[in-house]
Amino acid sequence: MMVDVIEAQALPGLRLWLRFSDGKEGVVDFSGLELPGVLARLRDPGFLAQVRVDPELGAPVWPGGLDLDPLVLYAWVVGMPLPGAEASRR
């Protein structure tokens, strides 16, 4: 399944509201997630607020080249298993 992020907005409490190309929308809460490496920048509310959507990628992006996989975000929002989760269990 191919789905793009078409809108994104930072919310208080390290949350990100997303709307997808199929009309579904929801919130990803980063406050309780382990964010290693470059993803740790998402813990800064000022940095998180700089989100925009790159229409070519169909993904939320931030300065410095940080972007998040729209399919993974979609899975979190709609409660689907994360892509590749089955393969990693074998």
PDB file of N, CA and C in Angstrom:
ATOM      1  N   MET A   1       0.852  -1.179   0.000  1.00  0.00           N
ATOM      2  CA  MET A   1       0.000   0.000   0.000  1.00  0.00           C
ATOM      3  C   MET A   1       0.893   1.235   0.000  1.00  0.00           C
ATOM      4  N   MET A   2       0.538   2.178  -0.822  1.00  0.00           N
ATOM      5  CA  MET A   2       1.283   3.421  -0.882  1.00  0.00           C
ATOM      6  C   MET A   2       0.404   4.530  -0.313  1.00  0.00           C
ATOM      7  N   VAL A   3       0.916   5.237   0.652  1.00  0.00           N
ATOM      8  CA  VAL A   3       0.174   6.340   1.254  1.00  0.00           C
ATOM      9  C   VAL A   3       1.166   7.453   1.549  1.00  0.00           C
ATOM     10  N   ASP A   4       0.744   8.678   1.299  1.00  0.00           N
ATOM     11  CA  ASP A   4       1.592   9.845   1.540  1.00  0.00           C
ATOM     12  C   ASP A   4       1.019  10.681   2.671  1.00  0.00           C
ATOM     13  N   VAL A   5       1.894  11.386   3.353  1.00  0.00           N
ATOM     14  CA  VAL A   5       1.465  12.420   4.286  1.00  0.00           C
ATOM     15  C   VAL A   5       1.202  13.666   3.443  1.00  0.00           C
ATOM     16  N   ILE A   6       0.023  14.274   3.617  1.00  0.00           N
ATOM     17  CA  ILE A   6      -0.294  15.483   2.852  1.00  0.00           C
ATOM     18  C   ILE A   6      -0.371  16.723   3.733  1.00  0.00           C
ATOM     19  N   GLU A   7      -0.510  16.535   5.045  1.00  0.00           N
ATOM     20  CA  GLU A   7      -0.489  17.656   5.998  1.00  0.00           C
ATOM     21  C   GLU A   7       0.153  17.174   7.284  1.00  0.00           C
ATOM     22  N   ALA A   8       0.863  18.088   7.941  1.00  0.00           N
ATOM     23  CA  ALA A   8       1.481  17.773   9.234  1.00  0.00           C
ATOM     24  C   ALA A   8       1.521  19.046  10.069  1.00  0.00           C
ATOM     25  N   GLN A   9       1.291  18.873  11.360  1.00  0.00           N
ATOM     26  CA  GLN A   9       1.330  20.014  12.279  1.00  0.00           C
ATOM     27  C   GLN A   9       1.820  19.535  13.637  1.00  0.00           C
ATOM     28  N   ALA A  10       2.796  20.244  14.178  1.00  0.00           N
ATOM     29  CA  ALA A  10       3.285  19.945  15.523  1.00  0.00           C
ATOM     30  C   ALA A  10       2.246  20.391  16.539  1.00  0.00           C
ATOM     31  N   LEU A  11       2.055  19.575  17.562  1.00  0.00           N
ATOM     32  CA  LEU A  11       1.130  19.872  18.653  1.00  0.00           C
ATOM     33  C   LEU A  11       1.911  19.909  19.964  1.00  0.00           C
ATOM     34  N   PRO A  12       1.346  20.524  20.995  1.00  0.00           N
ATOM     35  CA  PRO A  12       2.018  20.514  22.306  1.00  0.00           C
ATOM     36  C   PRO A  12       2.249  19.089  22.797  1.00  0.00           C
ATOM     37  N   GLY A  13       3.263  18.926  23.626  1.00  0.00           N
ATOM     38  CA  GLY A  13       3.541  17.634  24.226  1.00  0.00           C
ATOM     39  C   GLY A  13       4.273  16.673  23.313  1.00  0.00           C
ATOM     40  N   LEU A  14       5.057  17.203  22.377  1.00  0.00           N
ATOM     41  CA  LEU A  14       5.840  16.386  21.439  1.00  0.00           C
ATOM     42  C   LEU A  14       4.963  15.443  20.621  1.00  0.00           C
ATOM     43  N   ARG A  15       3.857  15.985  20.134  1.00  0.00           N
ATOM     44  CA  ARG A  15       2.949  15.210  19.293  1.00  0.00           C
ATOM     45  C   ARG A  15       2.911  15.816  17.895  1.00  0.00           C
ATOM     46  N   LEU A  16       2.616  14.985  16.924  1.00  0.00           N
ATOM     47  CA  LEU A  16       2.561  15.405  15.535  1.00  0.00           C
ATOM     48  C   LEU A  16       1.250  14.916  14.931  1.00  0.00           C
ATOM     49  N   TRP A  17       0.424  15.870  14.461  1.00  0.00           N
ATOM     50  CA  TRP A  17      -0.821  15.540  13.782  1.00  0.00           C
ATOM     51  C   TRP A  17      -0.515  15.358  12.304  1.00  0.00           C
ATOM     52  N   LEU A  18      -1.085  14.303  11.732  1.00  0.00           N
ATOM     53  CA  LEU A  18      -0.838  13.986  10.328  1.00  0.00           C
ATOM     54  C   LEU A  18      -2.136  13.697   9.601  1.00  0.00           C
ATOM     55  N   ARG A  19      -2.206  14.122   8.332  1.00  0.00           N
ATOM     56  CA  ARG A  19      -3.296  13.720   7.433  1.00  0.00           C
ATOM     57  C   ARG A  19      -2.646  13.014   6.252  1.00  0.00           C
ATOM     58  N   PHE A  20      -3.251  11.885   5.871  1.00  0.00           N
ATOM     59  CA  PHE A  20      -2.703  11.053   4.820  1.00  0.00           C
ATOM     60  C   PHE A  20      -3.522  11.172   3.540  1.00  0.00           C
ATOM     61  N   SER A  21      -2.939  10.721   2.447  1.00  0.00           N
ATOM     62  CA  SER A  21      -3.557  10.855   1.133  1.00  0.00           C
ATOM     63  C   SER A  21      -4.861  10.067   0.994  1.00  0.00           C
ATOM     64  N   ASP A  22      -5.116   9.106   1.864  1.00  0.00           N
ATOM     65  CA  ASP A  22      -6.378   8.367   1.809  1.00  0.00           C
ATOM     66  C   ASP A  22      -7.452   8.988   2.704  1.00  0.00           C
ATOM     67  N   GLY A  23      -7.143  10.151   3.313  1.00  0.00           N
ATOM     68  CA  GLY A  23      -8.115  10.852   4.147  1.00  0.00           C
ATOM     69  C   GLY A  23      -8.013  10.546   5.630  1.00  0.00           C
ATOM     70  N   LYS A  24      -7.301   9.499   5.987  1.00  0.00           N
ATOM     71  CA  LYS A  24      -7.146   9.189   7.412  1.00  0.00           C
ATOM     72  C   LYS A  24      -6.234  10.227   8.056  1.00  0.00           C
ATOM     73  N   GLU A  25      -6.450  10.457   9.349  1.00  0.00           N
ATOM     74  CA  GLU A  25      -5.615  11.386  10.094  1.00  0.00           C
ATOM     75  C   GLU A  25      -5.486  10.900  11.522  1.00  0.00           C
ATOM     76  N   GLY A  26      -4.454  11.391  12.184  1.00  0.00           N
ATOM     77  CA  GLY A  26      -4.232  11.008  13.561  1.00  0.00           C
ATOM     78  C   GLY A  26      -2.991  11.664  14.115  1.00  0.00           C
ATOM     79  N   VAL A  27      -2.654  11.276  15.336  1.00  0.00           N
ATOM     80  CA  VAL A  27      -1.556  11.903  16.071  1.00  0.00           C
ATOM     81  C   VAL A  27      -0.523  10.846  16.450  1.00  0.00           C
ATOM     82  N   VAL A  28       0.739  11.184  16.245  1.00  0.00           N
ATOM     83  CA  VAL A  28       1.858  10.370  16.716  1.00  0.00           C
ATOM     84  C   VAL A  28       2.458  11.109  17.905  1.00  0.00           C
ATOM     85  N   ASP A  29       2.585  10.412  19.016  1.00  0.00           N
ATOM     86  CA  ASP A  29       3.121  10.991  20.249  1.00  0.00           C
ATOM     87  C   ASP A  29       4.564  10.524  20.414  1.00  0.00           C
ATOM     88  N   PHE A  30       5.505  11.457  20.284  1.00  0.00           N
ATOM     89  CA  PHE A  30       6.923  11.137  20.396  1.00  0.00           C
ATOM     90  C   PHE A  30       7.416  11.135  21.842  1.00  0.00           C
ATOM     91  N   SER A  31       6.604  11.606  22.777  1.00  0.00           N
ATOM     92  CA  SER A  31       7.076  11.797  24.151  1.00  0.00           C
ATOM     93  C   SER A  31       7.507  10.497  24.827  1.00  0.00           C
ATOM     94  N   GLY A  32       6.894   9.379  24.489  1.00  0.00           N
ATOM     95  CA  GLY A  32       7.243   8.128  25.133  1.00  0.00           C
ATOM     96  C   GLY A  32       8.103   7.210  24.282  1.00  0.00           C
ATOM     97  N   LEU A  33       8.544   7.700  23.130  1.00  0.00           N
ATOM     98  CA  LEU A  33       9.323   6.865  22.227  1.00  0.00           C
ATOM     99  C   LEU A  33      10.815   7.044  22.443  1.00  0.00           C
ATOM    100  N   GLU A  34      11.553   5.967  22.245  1.00  0.00           N
ATOM    101  CA  GLU A  34      13.010   6.071  22.228  1.00  0.00           C
ATOM    102  C   GLU A  34      13.387   6.681  20.880  1.00  0.00           C
ATOM    103  N   LEU A  35      14.113   7.770  20.915  1.00  0.00           N
ATOM    104  CA  LEU A  35      14.496   8.454  19.688  1.00  0.00           C
ATOM    105  C   LEU A  35      16.017   8.530  19.620  1.00  0.00           C
ATOM    106  N   PRO A  36      16.643   7.509  19.047  1.00  0.00           N
ATOM    107  CA  PRO A  36      18.104   7.475  19.011  1.00  0.00           C
ATOM    108  C   PRO A  36      18.688   8.364  17.908  1.00  0.00           C
ATOM    109  N   GLY A  37      19.942   8.693  18.065  1.00  0.00           N
ATOM    110  CA  GLY A  37      20.682   9.408  17.025  1.00  0.00           C
ATOM    111  C   GLY A  37      20.039  10.712  16.620  1.00  0.00           C
ATOM    112  N   VAL A  38      19.944  10.918  15.317  1.00  0.00           N
ATOM    113  CA  VAL A  38      19.411  12.166  14.774  1.00  0.00           C
ATOM    114  C   VAL A  38      17.932  12.362  15.143  1.00  0.00           C
ATOM    115  N   LEU A  39      17.212  11.282  15.404  1.00  0.00           N
ATOM    116  CA  LEU A  39      15.799  11.398  15.781  1.00  0.00           C
ATOM    117  C   LEU A  39      15.611  12.099  17.123  1.00  0.00           C
ATOM    118  N   ALA A  40      16.651  12.137  17.940  1.00  0.00           N
ATOM    119  CA  ALA A  40      16.569  12.811  19.240  1.00  0.00           C
ATOM    120  C   ALA A  40      16.215  14.288  19.073  1.00  0.00           C
ATOM    121  N   ARG A  41      16.495  14.850  17.907  1.00  0.00           N
ATOM    122  CA  ARG A  41      16.146  16.258  17.660  1.00  0.00           C
ATOM    123  C   ARG A  41      14.638  16.495  17.759  1.00  0.00           C
ATOM    124  N   LEU A  42      13.843  15.443  17.552  1.00  0.00           N
ATOM    125  CA  LEU A  42      12.382  15.575  17.627  1.00  0.00           C
ATOM    126  C   LEU A  42      11.894  15.806  19.051  1.00  0.00           C
ATOM    127  N   ARG A  43      12.753  15.642  20.040  1.00  0.00           N
ATOM    128  CA  ARG A  43      12.378  15.928  21.436  1.00  0.00           C
ATOM    129  C   ARG A  43      12.384  17.423  21.729  1.00  0.00           C
ATOM    130  N   ASP A  44      12.921  18.222  20.837  1.00  0.00           N
ATOM    131  CA  ASP A  44      12.957  19.679  20.984  1.00  0.00           C
ATOM    132  C   ASP A  44      11.685  20.251  20.359  1.00  0.00           C
ATOM    133  N   PRO A  45      10.771  20.806  21.177  1.00  0.00           N
ATOM    134  CA  PRO A  45       9.516  21.328  20.632  1.00  0.00           C
ATOM    135  C   PRO A  45       9.729  22.380  19.544  1.00  0.00           C
ATOM    136  N   GLY A  46      10.771  23.181  19.671  1.00  0.00           N
ATOM    137  CA  GLY A  46      11.060  24.190  18.650  1.00  0.00           C
ATOM    138  C   GLY A  46      11.443  23.566  17.323  1.00  0.00           C
ATOM    139  N   PHE A  47      12.193  22.485  17.392  1.00  0.00           N
ATOM    140  CA  PHE A  47      12.577  21.779  16.164  1.00  0.00           C
ATOM    141  C   PHE A  47      11.375  21.047  15.585  1.00  0.00           C
ATOM    142  N   LEU A  48      10.609  20.367  16.419  1.00  0.00           N
ATOM    143  CA  LEU A  48       9.427  19.644  15.957  1.00  0.00           C
ATOM    144  C   LEU A  48       8.460  20.581  15.234  1.00  0.00           C
ATOM    145  N   ALA A  49       8.352  21.813  15.724  1.00  0.00           N
ATOM    146  CA  ALA A  49       7.435  22.798  15.142  1.00  0.00           C
ATOM    147  C   ALA A  49       7.840  23.229  13.734  1.00  0.00           C
ATOM    148  N   GLN A  50       9.058  22.921  13.327  1.00  0.00           N
ATOM    149  CA  GLN A  50       9.532  23.298  11.994  1.00  0.00           C
ATOM    150  C   GLN A  50       9.119  22.291  10.919  1.00  0.00           C
ATOM    151  N   VAL A  51       8.249  21.367  11.261  1.00  0.00           N
ATOM    152  CA  VAL A  51       7.811  20.342  10.323  1.00  0.00           C
ATOM    153  C   VAL A  51       7.150  20.966   9.100  1.00  0.00           C
ATOM    154  N   ARG A  52       7.393  20.340   7.974  1.00  0.00           N
ATOM    155  CA  ARG A  52       6.673  20.646   6.740  1.00  0.00           C
ATOM    156  C   ARG A  52       6.544  19.338   5.980  1.00  0.00           C
ATOM    157  N   VAL A  53       5.711  19.327   4.962  1.00  0.00           N
ATOM    158  CA  VAL A  53       5.536  18.119   4.154  1.00  0.00           C
ATOM    159  C   VAL A  53       6.251  18.319   2.827  1.00  0.00           C
ATOM    160  N   ASP A  54       7.105  17.379   2.486  1.00  0.00           N
ATOM    161  CA  ASP A  54       7.764  17.389   1.180  1.00  0.00           C
ATOM    162  C   ASP A  54       6.851  16.625   0.223  1.00  0.00           C
ATOM    163  N   PRO A  55       6.274  17.318  -0.768  1.00  0.00           N
ATOM    164  CA  PRO A  55       5.318  16.650  -1.658  1.00  0.00           C
ATOM    165  C   PRO A  55       5.943  15.557  -2.517  1.00  0.00           C
ATOM    166  N   GLU A  56       7.238  15.650  -2.809  1.00  0.00           N
ATOM    167  CA  GLU A  56       7.893  14.606  -3.596  1.00  0.00           C
ATOM    168  C   GLU A  56       8.084  13.332  -2.777  1.00  0.00           C
ATOM    169  N   LEU A  57       8.430  13.488  -1.507  1.00  0.00           N
ATOM    170  CA  LEU A  57       8.608  12.343  -0.624  1.00  0.00           C
ATOM    171  C   LEU A  57       7.287  11.845  -0.052  1.00  0.00           C
ATOM    172  N   GLY A  58       6.308  12.749   0.059  1.00  0.00           N
ATOM    173  CA  GLY A  58       5.054  12.398   0.726  1.00  0.00           C
ATOM    174  C   GLY A  58       5.277  12.143   2.200  1.00  0.00           C
ATOM    175  N   ALA A  59       6.221  12.905   2.780  1.00  0.00           N
ATOM    176  CA  ALA A  59       6.645  12.636   4.150  1.00  0.00           C
ATOM    177  C   ALA A  59       6.864  13.941   4.902  1.00  0.00           C
ATOM    178  N   PRO A  60       6.722  13.910   6.232  1.00  0.00           N
ATOM    179  CA  PRO A  60       7.091  15.070   7.035  1.00  0.00           C
ATOM    180  C   PRO A  60       8.617  15.189   7.059  1.00  0.00           C
ATOM    181  N   VAL A  61       9.085  16.424   6.931  1.00  0.00           N
ATOM    182  CA  VAL A  61      10.522  16.690   6.907  1.00  0.00           C
ATOM    183  C   VAL A  61      10.847  17.863   7.820  1.00  0.00           C
ATOM    184  N   TRP A  62      12.125  17.918   8.227  1.00  0.00           N
ATOM    185  CA  TRP A  62      12.636  18.991   9.084  1.00  0.00           C
ATOM    186  C   TRP A  62      13.966  19.467   8.527  1.00  0.00           C
ATOM    187  N   PRO A  63      14.435  20.608   8.990  1.00  0.00           N
ATOM    188  CA  PRO A  63      15.746  21.102   8.549  1.00  0.00           C
ATOM    189  C   PRO A  63      16.842  20.068   8.810  1.00  0.00           C
ATOM    190  N   GLY A  64      17.846  20.097   7.956  1.00  0.00           N
ATOM    191  CA  GLY A  64      18.972  19.188   8.110  1.00  0.00           C
ATOM    192  C   GLY A  64      18.748  17.833   7.460  1.00  0.00           C
ATOM    193  N   GLY A  65      17.653  17.691   6.709  1.00  0.00           N
ATOM    194  CA  GLY A  65      17.416  16.451   5.987  1.00  0.00           C
ATOM    195  C   GLY A  65      16.713  15.353   6.761  1.00  0.00           C
ATOM    196  N   LEU A  66      16.167  15.661   7.933  1.00  0.00           N
ATOM    197  CA  LEU A  66      15.443  14.654   8.710  1.00  0.00           C
ATOM    198  C   LEU A  66      14.054  14.466   8.111  1.00  0.00           C
ATOM    199  N   ASP A  67      13.703  13.216   7.828  1.00  0.00           N
ATOM    200  CA  ASP A  67      12.348  12.891   7.375  1.00  0.00           C
ATOM    201  C   ASP A  67      11.935  11.569   8.006  1.00  0.00           C
ATOM    202  N   LEU A  68      10.624  11.351   8.055  1.00  0.00           N
ATOM    203  CA  LEU A  68      10.088  10.123   8.639  1.00  0.00           C
ATOM    204  C   LEU A  68       9.301   9.362   7.580  1.00  0.00           C
ATOM    205  N   ASP A  69       9.385   8.052   7.627  1.00  0.00           N
ATOM    206  CA  ASP A  69       8.738   7.170   6.662  1.00  0.00           C
ATOM    207  C   ASP A  69       7.216   7.281   6.798  1.00  0.00           C
ATOM    208  N   PRO A  70       6.527   7.696   5.740  1.00  0.00           N
ATOM    209  CA  PRO A  70       5.072   7.849   5.838  1.00  0.00           C
ATOM    210  C   PRO A  70       4.344   6.533   6.105  1.00  0.00           C
ATOM    211  N   LEU A  71       4.869   5.415   5.615  1.00  0.00           N
ATOM    212  CA  LEU A  71       4.207   4.130   5.841  1.00  0.00           C
ATOM    213  C   LEU A  71       4.278   3.718   7.314  1.00  0.00           C
ATOM    214  N   VAL A  72       5.400   3.974   7.962  1.00  0.00           N
ATOM    215  CA  VAL A  72       5.531   3.683   9.388  1.00  0.00           C
ATOM    216  C   VAL A  72       4.588   4.579  10.191  1.00  0.00           C
ATOM    217  N   LEU A  73       4.545   5.865   9.856  1.00  0.00           N
ATOM    218  CA  LEU A  73       3.644   6.789  10.548  1.00  0.00           C
ATOM    219  C   LEU A  73       2.193   6.368  10.362  1.00  0.00           C
ATOM    220  N   TYR A  74       1.843   5.968   9.157  1.00  0.00           N
ATOM    221  CA  TYR A  74       0.477   5.514   8.869  1.00  0.00           C
ATOM    222  C   TYR A  74       0.130   4.300   9.737  1.00  0.00           C
ATOM    223  N   ALA A  75       1.054   3.360   9.819  1.00  0.00           N
ATOM    224  CA  ALA A  75       0.815   2.164  10.634  1.00  0.00           C
ATOM    225  C   ALA A  75       0.558   2.542  12.089  1.00  0.00           C
ATOM    226  N   TRP A  76       1.346   3.473  12.644  1.00  0.00           N
ATOM    227  CA  TRP A  76       1.133   3.914  14.022  1.00  0.00           C
ATOM    228  C   TRP A  76      -0.238   4.553  14.182  1.00  0.00           C
ATOM    229  N   VAL A  77      -0.610   5.413  13.241  1.00  0.00           N
ATOM    230  CA  VAL A  77      -1.868   6.155  13.362  1.00  0.00           C
ATOM    231  C   VAL A  77      -3.081   5.239  13.263  1.00  0.00           C
ATOM    232  N   VAL A  78      -3.060   4.289  12.335  1.00  0.00           N
ATOM    233  CA  VAL A  78      -4.246   3.439  12.148  1.00  0.00           C
ATOM    234  C   VAL A  78      -4.179   2.124  12.912  1.00  0.00           C
ATOM    235  N   GLY A  79      -3.072   1.875  13.620  1.00  0.00           N
ATOM    236  CA  GLY A  79      -2.964   0.673  14.440  1.00  0.00           C
ATOM    237  C   GLY A  79      -2.622  -0.592  13.675  1.00  0.00           C
ATOM    238  N   MET A  80      -1.953  -0.439  12.539  1.00  0.00           N
ATOM    239  CA  MET A  80      -1.507  -1.599  11.765  1.00  0.00           C
ATOM    240  C   MET A  80      -0.144  -2.056  12.277  1.00  0.00           C
ATOM    241  N   PRO A  81       0.228  -3.313  12.000  1.00  0.00           N
ATOM    242  CA  PRO A  81       1.603  -3.736  12.322  1.00  0.00           C
ATOM    243  C   PRO A  81       2.585  -2.890  11.519  1.00  0.00           C
ATOM    244  N   LEU A  82       3.722  -2.605  12.117  1.00  0.00           N
ATOM    245  CA  LEU A  82       4.728  -1.811  11.434  1.00  0.00           C
ATOM    246  C   LEU A  82       5.284  -2.590  10.237  1.00  0.00           C
ATOM    247  N   PRO A  83       5.556  -1.887   9.129  1.00  0.00           N
ATOM    248  CA  PRO A  83       6.113  -2.578   7.953  1.00  0.00           C
ATOM    249  C   PRO A  83       7.400  -3.303   8.334  1.00  0.00           C
ATOM    250  N   GLY A  84       7.515  -4.544   7.880  1.00  0.00           N
ATOM    251  CA  GLY A  84       8.713  -5.335   8.152  1.00  0.00           C
ATOM    252  C   GLY A  84       8.707  -6.033   9.502  1.00  0.00           C
ATOM    253  N   ALA A  85       7.691  -5.792  10.324  1.00  0.00           N
ATOM    254  CA  ALA A  85       7.662  -6.387  11.661  1.00  0.00           C
ATOM    255  C   ALA A  85       7.584  -7.911  11.591  1.00  0.00           C
ATOM    256  N   GLU A  86       6.819  -8.446  10.653  1.00  0.00           N
ATOM    257  CA  GLU A  86       6.700  -9.895  10.506  1.00  0.00           C
ATOM    258  C   GLU A  86       8.027 -10.504  10.094  1.00  0.00           C
ATOM    259  N   ALA A  87       8.727  -9.856   9.145  1.00  0.00           N
ATOM    260  CA  ALA A  87       9.998 -10.402   8.662  1.00  0.00           C
ATOM    261  C   ALA A  87      11.047 -10.423   9.768  1.00  0.00           C
ATOM    262  N   SER A  88      11.008  -9.438  10.665  1.00  0.00           N
ATOM    263  CA  SER A  88      12.022  -9.372  11.716  1.00  0.00           C
ATOM    264  C   SER A  88      11.791 -10.412  12.808  1.00  0.00           C
ATOM    265  N   ARG A  89      10.622 -11.029  12.851  1.00  0.00           N
ATOM    266  CA  ARG A  89      10.309 -12.029  13.880  1.00  0.00           C
ATOM    267  C   ARG A  89      10.735 -13.437  13.454  1.00  0.00           C
ATOM    268  N   ARG A  90      11.095 -13.606  12.190  1.00  0.00           N
ATOM    269  CA  ARG A  90      11.436 -14.941  11.675  1.00  0.00           C
ATOM    270  C   ARG A  90      12.828 -15.331  12.013  1.00  0.00           C
TER     271      ARG A  90
END
